[in-house]
Structures are given as structure tokens and as C-alpha cells.
Protein backbone atom coordinates (compact mmCIF):
# COMPACT_ATOMS: atom_id res chain seq x y z
CA MET A 1 -0.15 0.20 0.39
CA TYR A 2 1.76 4.03 -1.22
CA LEU A 3 0.37 5.87 1.72
CA ARG A 4 0.65 10.23 1.58
CA ARG A 5 -0.47 13.24 3.07
CA ASP A 6 -1.72 16.49 1.77
CA GLU A 7 -2.57 18.93 4.70
CA LEU A 8 -5.39 17.12 5.45
CA ARG A 9 -6.21 15.03 2.88
CA ARG A 10 -4.95 11.50 3.39
CA ILE A 11 -4.14 9.45 -0.18
CA ALA A 12 -3.64 5.68 -1.03
CA ARG A 13 -2.91 3.20 -3.51
CA PRO A 14 -4.15 0.30 -2.26
CA PRO A 15 -2.95 -2.81 -4.32
CA ALA A 16 -4.18 -6.08 -5.80
CA LYS A 17 -3.86 -9.71 -4.72
CA LEU A 18 -3.32 -12.65 -6.21
CA ASN A 19 -3.04 -16.28 -4.54
CA LEU A 20 -0.41 -18.23 -6.05
CA TYR A 21 -1.44 -20.63 -2.91
CA LEU A 22 -4.68 -21.59 -1.55
CA ASP A 23 -5.66 -24.42 1.13
CA VAL A 24 -9.13 -24.65 1.97
CA PHE A 25 -10.23 -26.37 4.90
CA GLY A 26 -12.95 -26.73 7.27
CA ARG A 27 -15.27 -24.79 8.27
CA ARG A 28 -14.57 -22.88 11.64
CA GLY A 29 -16.12 -22.70 15.01
CA ASP A 30 -16.58 -19.12 14.53
CA GLY A 31 -17.99 -19.96 11.02
CA PHE A 32 -15.33 -19.14 8.73
CA HIS A 33 -12.79 -21.39 6.82
CA GLU A 34 -9.71 -22.34 8.00
CA LEU A 35 -7.43 -21.65 5.71
CA GLU A 36 -3.64 -21.33 4.26
CA THR A 37 -2.61 -18.66 1.48
CA LEU A 38 0.57 -18.01 -0.44
CA MET A 39 -0.68 -13.55 -1.74
CA VAL A 40 1.46 -11.15 -4.05
CA PRO A 41 0.11 -7.42 -4.04
CA VAL A 42 0.24 -7.09 -7.72
CA ARG A 43 -0.08 -3.41 -9.77
CA LEU A 44 -2.44 -2.77 -10.64
CA TRP A 45 -3.96 -0.57 -7.94
CA ASP A 46 -7.50 1.72 -6.10
CA SER A 47 -7.39 4.95 -5.67
CA LEU A 48 -8.55 6.09 -1.87
CA THR A 49 -8.71 9.93 -0.26
CA LEU A 50 -9.79 10.05 3.07
CA ASP A 51 -10.85 13.34 4.09
CA SER A 52 -11.31 14.10 8.27
CA ASP A 53 -14.85 15.60 8.32
CA SER A 54 -16.24 17.09 11.60
CA SER A 55 -18.63 19.54 10.07
CA THR A 56 -21.51 17.81 9.68
CA PRO A 57 -24.80 17.62 12.60
CA ASP A 58 -23.15 13.64 12.48
CA HIS A 59 -19.97 14.54 13.63
CA ALA A 60 -18.89 10.49 12.78
CA ALA A 61 -20.11 9.87 10.05
CA ILE A 62 -18.91 8.06 7.00
CA ARG A 63 -19.17 9.04 3.59
CA LEU A 64 -18.67 6.97 0.60
CA SER A 65 -18.14 8.13 -2.85
CA VAL A 66 -16.92 5.39 -5.37
CA ASN A 67 -16.14 6.63 -9.23
CA HIS A 68 -15.08 2.90 -11.20
CA THR A 69 -13.17 3.06 -14.49
CA PHE A 70 -14.06 -0.57 -15.38
CA GLY A 71 -17.14 -0.98 -17.65
CA ARG A 72 -19.91 -3.07 -17.96
CA GLU A 73 -18.49 -6.12 -19.40
CA GLN A 74 -15.62 -6.44 -16.83
CA SER A 75 -17.81 -6.34 -13.64
CA SER A 76 -22.07 -5.90 -13.46
CA LEU A 77 -22.33 -5.68 -9.58
CA PRO A 78 -23.15 -2.45 -8.48
CA ILE A 79 -20.65 -0.81 -5.64
CA PRO A 80 -22.46 -0.17 -2.07
CA THR A 81 -21.55 2.36 -0.78
CA ASP A 82 -22.67 2.06 2.75
CA SER A 83 -21.69 -0.54 5.48
CA ASN A 84 -21.74 -3.41 2.93
CA ASN A 85 -18.83 -1.90 1.33
CA LEU A 86 -15.59 -2.82 3.45
CA VAL A 87 -14.29 0.64 3.23
CA VAL A 88 -16.81 2.09 5.68
CA ARG A 89 -17.38 -1.44 7.47
CA ALA A 90 -14.34 -1.49 8.46
CA LEU A 91 -13.82 2.53 9.72
CA GLU A 92 -17.63 2.22 11.57
CA LEU A 93 -15.59 -0.72 13.45
CA LEU A 94 -12.02 1.08 13.98
CA GLN A 95 -14.58 4.38 15.40
CA ARG A 96 -16.26 1.34 18.14
CA ARG A 97 -13.45 0.04 18.91
CA SER A 98 -11.43 3.30 19.36
CA ASN A 99 -14.17 5.15 20.01
CA CYS A 100 -13.17 7.95 17.86
CA LYS A 101 -15.45 10.34 17.46
CA GLN A 102 -14.59 11.59 13.86
CA GLY A 103 -15.67 11.19 10.82
CA ALA A 104 -14.80 11.12 7.41
CA HIS A 105 -15.36 11.89 3.49
CA ILE A 106 -13.94 8.92 2.10
CA GLN A 107 -13.48 9.15 -2.12
CA LEU A 108 -12.98 5.93 -3.94
CA VAL A 109 -11.70 5.13 -7.42
CA LYS A 110 -12.18 1.72 -8.63
CA ARG A 111 -9.60 -0.35 -10.88
CA ILE A 112 -9.34 -3.07 -9.28
CA PRO A 113 -12.49 -5.62 -11.04
CA ALA A 114 -14.87 -6.42 -8.19
CA ALA A 115 -16.16 -9.99 -7.54
CA ALA A 116 -12.52 -11.41 -9.14
CA GLY A 117 -10.93 -12.97 -6.11
CA MET A 118 -7.96 -10.18 -6.37
CA GLY A 119 -8.67 -8.19 -3.31
CA GLY A 120 -9.82 -4.79 -3.93
CA GLY A 121 -11.92 -3.57 -1.05
CA SER A 122 -9.65 -5.89 0.94
CA SER A 123 -7.69 -3.68 0.12
CA ASP A 124 -8.82 -0.90 -0.02
CA ALA A 125 -10.52 -1.12 3.63
CA ALA A 126 -6.54 -1.96 4.78
CA ALA A 127 -5.65 1.85 3.07
CA ALA A 128 -8.67 3.17 5.19
CA LEU A 129 -8.13 1.82 8.28
CA SER A 130 -4.17 2.71 7.99
CA LEU A 131 -5.13 6.43 6.86
CA ALA A 132 -7.86 6.73 9.32
CA ASN A 133 -5.42 5.36 11.47
CA VAL A 134 -3.29 8.81 11.29
CA ALA A 135 -6.10 11.16 10.70
CA TRP A 136 -8.09 10.14 13.76
CA GLN A 137 -5.24 10.31 16.38
CA LEU A 138 -4.91 7.47 16.56
CA ASN A 139 -1.41 5.69 16.67
CA TRP A 140 -2.64 2.17 17.00
CA SER A 141 0.13 -0.37 16.40
CA GLN A 142 -0.21 -2.42 13.25
CA SER A 143 -0.52 -5.72 15.37
CA ARG A 144 -3.16 -3.43 17.05
CA LEU A 145 -4.48 -2.01 13.07
CA ALA A 146 -4.75 -6.20 12.49
CA GLU A 147 -6.85 -7.33 14.99
CA VAL A 148 -9.89 -4.63 13.60
CA ALA A 149 -8.75 -5.31 10.14
CA ALA A 150 -8.99 -9.51 10.95
CA GLU A 151 -12.62 -8.50 12.33
CA VAL A 152 -13.45 -6.72 8.83
CA GLY A 153 -12.59 -9.70 6.00
CA SER A 154 -10.16 -12.51 5.34
CA ASP A 155 -7.80 -10.97 3.67
CA VAL A 156 -7.86 -7.54 4.86
CA PRO A 157 -4.51 -8.18 6.99
CA PHE A 158 -2.83 -9.03 4.42
CA PHE A 159 -3.11 -5.66 2.73
CA LEU A 160 -1.53 -4.08 6.46
CA PHE A 161 1.92 -4.75 5.19
CA GLU A 162 3.86 -4.25 2.29
CA GLY A 163 4.91 -7.63 -0.17
CA ALA A 164 4.22 -11.42 -1.09
CA ALA A 165 3.23 -13.26 2.43
CA VAL A 166 2.40 -16.55 3.78
CA CYS A 167 -1.63 -15.94 5.56
CA HIS A 168 -2.92 -18.69 8.53
CA GLY A 169 -6.27 -19.06 10.05
CA ARG A 170 -9.13 -17.37 8.71
CA GLY A 171 -5.83 -15.31 6.84
CA GLU A 172 -5.52 -13.25 10.14
CA HIS A 173 -2.12 -14.50 10.46
CA VAL A 174 0.00 -12.83 8.87
CA GLU A 175 3.80 -14.12 7.98
CA PRO A 176 6.05 -11.75 5.65
CA ILE A 177 8.43 -13.30 3.19
CA VAL A 178 11.66 -11.67 3.75
CA GLY A 179 13.70 -11.50 0.05
CA ALA A 180 10.36 -12.84 -2.54
CA ARG A 181 11.64 -12.02 -6.15
CA SER A 182 9.19 -10.75 -8.18
CA LEU A 183 7.39 -11.95 -10.98
CA HIS A 184 5.09 -10.68 -13.90
CA PHE A 185 1.48 -12.45 -14.85
CA VAL A 186 -1.15 -12.14 -16.81
CA VAL A 187 -4.83 -12.26 -16.15
CA VAL A 188 -7.59 -12.50 -17.40
CA LYS A 189 -11.05 -10.74 -15.52
CA PRO A 190 -13.70 -12.98 -17.56
CA PRO A 191 -17.37 -11.37 -17.64
CA ALA A 192 -18.60 -13.10 -15.16
CA ASP A 193 -18.49 -11.93 -10.86
CA LEU A 194 -18.52 -14.79 -8.61
CA ARG A 195 -19.70 -13.92 -4.82
CA THR A 196 -17.45 -15.45 -2.48
CA ALA A 197 -20.53 -17.01 -0.50
CA ASP A 198 -21.72 -18.38 -2.90
CA VAL A 199 -17.68 -20.15 -4.06
CA TYR A 200 -17.20 -21.09 -0.45
CA GLN A 201 -21.15 -23.02 -0.55
CA ALA A 202 -20.66 -25.19 -3.65
CA PHE A 203 -16.89 -26.05 -2.00
CA ASP A 204 -18.72 -27.35 1.02
CA GLU A 205 -21.00 -29.04 -0.82
CA GLN A 206 -18.31 -30.81 -2.58
CA ALA A 207 -16.38 -31.43 0.07
CA GLY A 208 -17.13 -35.13 0.58
CA ALA A 209 -16.11 -35.10 -2.94
CA ARG A 210 -13.05 -33.15 -4.15
CA ASP A 211 -9.85 -35.24 -4.51
CA ASP A 212 -7.49 -35.08 -1.72
CA LEU A 213 -4.47 -32.32 -2.63
CA GLY A 214 -1.59 -34.14 -0.43
CA PRO A 215 0.46 -31.81 1.63
CA SER A 216 1.12 -28.77 1.95
CA GLN A 217 3.52 -27.01 -0.16
CA ILE A 218 3.37 -23.72 0.51
CA GLY A 219 7.29 -24.03 2.10
CA ALA A 220 9.26 -25.59 -1.01
CA LEU A 221 6.34 -22.32 -2.94
CA THR A 222 8.27 -19.85 -1.05
CA ALA A 223 11.70 -20.70 -1.12
CA ALA A 224 10.79 -21.12 -4.81
CA LEU A 225 10.07 -17.57 -4.54
CA ARG A 226 12.52 -16.64 -2.89
CA ARG A 227 14.58 -17.84 -5.64
CA GLY A 228 13.08 -17.02 -8.41
CA ARG A 229 12.45 -20.25 -9.59
CA LEU A 230 9.61 -19.81 -12.09
CA THR A 231 8.56 -23.51 -13.84
CA GLU A 232 8.80 -23.99 -9.25
CA ILE A 233 6.80 -21.74 -8.50
CA GLY A 234 4.72 -22.70 -11.52
CA ARG A 235 4.41 -26.34 -10.87
CA LEU A 236 3.80 -25.85 -7.38
CA LEU A 237 0.56 -23.72 -7.58
CA ARG A 238 -2.37 -24.85 -5.63
CA ASN A 239 -6.03 -22.87 -5.63
CA SER A 240 -8.38 -25.34 -3.59
CA LEU A 241 -11.14 -23.17 -4.58
CA GLN A 242 -11.06 -23.27 -8.24
CA SER A 243 -12.94 -26.64 -8.91
CA ALA A 244 -16.02 -25.33 -6.47
CA ALA A 245 -15.93 -22.17 -8.69
CA THR A 246 -15.63 -23.70 -12.28
CA THR A 247 -19.50 -24.80 -11.69
CA LEU A 248 -21.23 -21.61 -11.66
CA THR A 249 -19.71 -20.65 -14.40
CA PRO A 250 -18.87 -21.07 -18.28
CA TRP A 251 -16.15 -18.45 -18.31
CA ILE A 252 -13.44 -20.30 -16.08
CA GLU A 253 -13.10 -23.20 -17.86
CA ARG A 254 -12.87 -21.72 -20.52
CA VAL A 255 -10.52 -19.32 -19.84
CA ARG A 256 -8.22 -22.43 -17.53
CA ARG A 257 -8.17 -24.17 -21.86
CA THR A 258 -7.52 -21.46 -23.52
CA PHE A 259 -4.85 -20.38 -20.64
CA HIS A 260 -3.61 -24.50 -20.74
CA GLU A 261 -2.29 -23.41 -24.50
CA LEU A 262 -0.13 -20.83 -24.59
CA ASP A 263 3.56 -20.90 -22.76
CA PHE A 264 3.05 -20.41 -19.14
CA PHE A 265 5.15 -21.42 -16.28
CA GLY A 266 1.51 -22.18 -14.50
CA HIS A 267 -2.13 -20.44 -14.63
CA GLN A 268 -5.31 -21.00 -11.88
CA LEU A 269 -8.08 -19.37 -10.76
CA SER A 270 -6.93 -15.94 -7.96
CA GLY A 271 -9.15 -16.24 -4.66
CA SER A 272 -12.51 -18.13 -5.07
CA GLY A 273 -12.53 -16.09 -8.70
CA SER A 274 -13.07 -15.08 -11.47
CA ALA A 275 -10.25 -13.20 -12.37
CA TYR A 276 -7.89 -16.61 -13.91
CA PHE A 277 -3.77 -15.99 -13.95
CA GLY A 278 -0.57 -16.71 -15.51
CA LEU A 279 2.79 -16.62 -14.37
CA CYS A 280 5.31 -15.48 -16.90
CA ARG A 281 9.17 -15.46 -17.86
CA HIS A 282 9.56 -11.80 -17.72
CA ALA A 283 7.84 -8.91 -18.75
CA GLN A 284 7.96 -8.74 -22.81
CA HIS A 285 6.79 -12.06 -21.88
CA ALA A 286 3.65 -11.04 -19.81
CA ARG A 287 3.39 -8.54 -23.52
CA ARG A 288 3.27 -10.65 -26.08
CA LEU A 289 0.30 -13.00 -23.49
CA ALA A 290 -1.67 -10.26 -23.08
CA SER A 291 -1.75 -9.75 -27.11
CA VAL A 292 -2.66 -12.98 -27.61
CA LEU A 293 -5.62 -13.47 -25.08
CA ARG A 294 -7.09 -10.10 -25.74
CA SER A 295 -7.60 -11.33 -29.35
CA ARG A 296 -9.55 -14.18 -28.18
CA ARG A 297 -11.91 -12.25 -25.97
CA LEU A 298 -12.39 -13.91 -22.63
CA GLY A 299 -12.59 -10.64 -21.05
CA GLN A 300 -10.16 -7.76 -19.67
CA VAL A 301 -6.70 -8.73 -19.75
CA TYR A 302 -3.94 -6.93 -17.91
CA ALA A 303 -0.32 -7.49 -17.59
CA LEU A 304 0.78 -7.19 -14.23
CA ARG A 305 4.33 -7.47 -12.06
CA SER A 306 3.85 -8.65 -8.45
CA CYS A 307 5.09 -5.21 -5.94
CA PRO A 308 8.13 -5.62 -4.10
């Protein structure tokens, strides 16, 4: 996440993410699934501006306005501006936990596609928490802020840190990976929106029949990421939600078959989808494959590099 201050206005550039590894296990007592994931932030950013606001009759009001740069072909889902939006939910929760009486006006520009498994909403929420922590002069530590982030959503704590990380539990335990090499990807967001809850429901319905993925390979993947071993990274990609997501839309299998025809090191769904990505050799390789995929008319195509 990239933050800067312009007098009373605070600005963040929340990045998207890709899941290089995602194992989902049984449902926990709190209703969430236990998971193990390795995520990398990538250079596709939303923009979020926060102005501390005490000018309204309700001094603690959280007001959100949203603009987006993508068209209906990328997402047909409306972006809420009330507490159904993770940004508003995060700031309202931070107010309650800190007993803060200040409000905020947030202007959000969306570039990360919605309902894509790329973490746009979670990244925005983490950015809002970080900006409000400064604007409201709370001065909370990162670990204390992460406790609030974990209540907002499973991916939100990840975005309080920089760079690749392994996450456990429901996602709240974050272990940054020191020395991770930069990677290049091509991402396709097909014209299908997948709600995370629907994918997890399909996953639960499949649970009795799905194949055993075997022992965790996340340690081996972490080591390969530090060494930049692309062939090994491609071989170790894993997403246990992909099979469930494939049952909800034909687009996932259509995109998978197309990626399989091309010379990626590996490819898979990100998160709960519907964005699908492939690992490339370098930037030029990514641009070439992105051009090929645009000609196939599978949806919006991005050539992206991971953030340091």
C-alpha cells in the first residue's frame, strides 16, 4: 500500500493481489473456513482519499463516494456506498473499537475489478484503516490495527503489510516473505462475477467428493519464490477453490483451456475468482501473451508485475 499526505487530505493506492497458493479446510467454530494461502500484491491499484470530517451534524459520519474505471463488461455488480462496503464497515468498526468521535469522507476510485478474487475491497478497507489511524490521531500499532482488520474480512490484514506473505487461520495470521522475487503475470477477468460466499458454499457441497490435494507445499513455494525459480513456482501453484468456482460459471473452464494452450509456467484461479492468471518469464513475455489473450475476447486482460 502506498500512502501520502496532502495537508488534511490523505491518499492511498491500495493494490490488488493474486493467490499463488490457497488451501481451504473445514469450517471453524466461528463460521469461517480455516485456510493457508500465499498471496502477492500486484501493480493494479485503486485510489482512496480520506478527509477527516467533523462538519456534519453527526460528527462521526462515514461518507463514501465511488467512481470506477471499468465498464459493465468487467462487472455487473453495483458497488455499495453504505456499510455493505468493506471501507465503511472497517471505519465504523475502528470508531467503535477506539471510541473515536470523528468521521470521514472517503473518495474511492476503483480500478481493481470487483467479484474477481483480486482483493480489491479488502485492500481498500486496509488502506482506509491505515489512513484513519493517522487522520484520527489514534497512533495504533500495526498489530492492533490488524485485529480490527481481521474482523472486517479474511484478506484485509494481508494488505496492512507490504509484499508477499503467507497467511493462516482465516487469514489474520500474516507472515511476510522476506526476499521474495518480483514476478510477472497475465490476468484475465472474464465477464462473470463470483460472490465469495457462493464459491465457498459450492466448495462445502463438494467437500465429501473432492480429491485430496496432499500435504502442504507452501514451504517449498516460499523457498522457490525467494530464489525466483519460475518453473518450480508454476508447478507448485494451488487453489482448492477452483473446482468449486468452475461449477458456477462456464467461463472458468473456458479461460483455463485457453491458458493451457499458451506457454505459461503455470496458471490458476485467484482466490474465489473469477480472475484467472498465468505466470510469465518476464515483462515482454507477459505483454506478448496478454496480446494473444485479448484477441480471444475472454474479458479484460492485464499484464502485471508483483509489488516489491
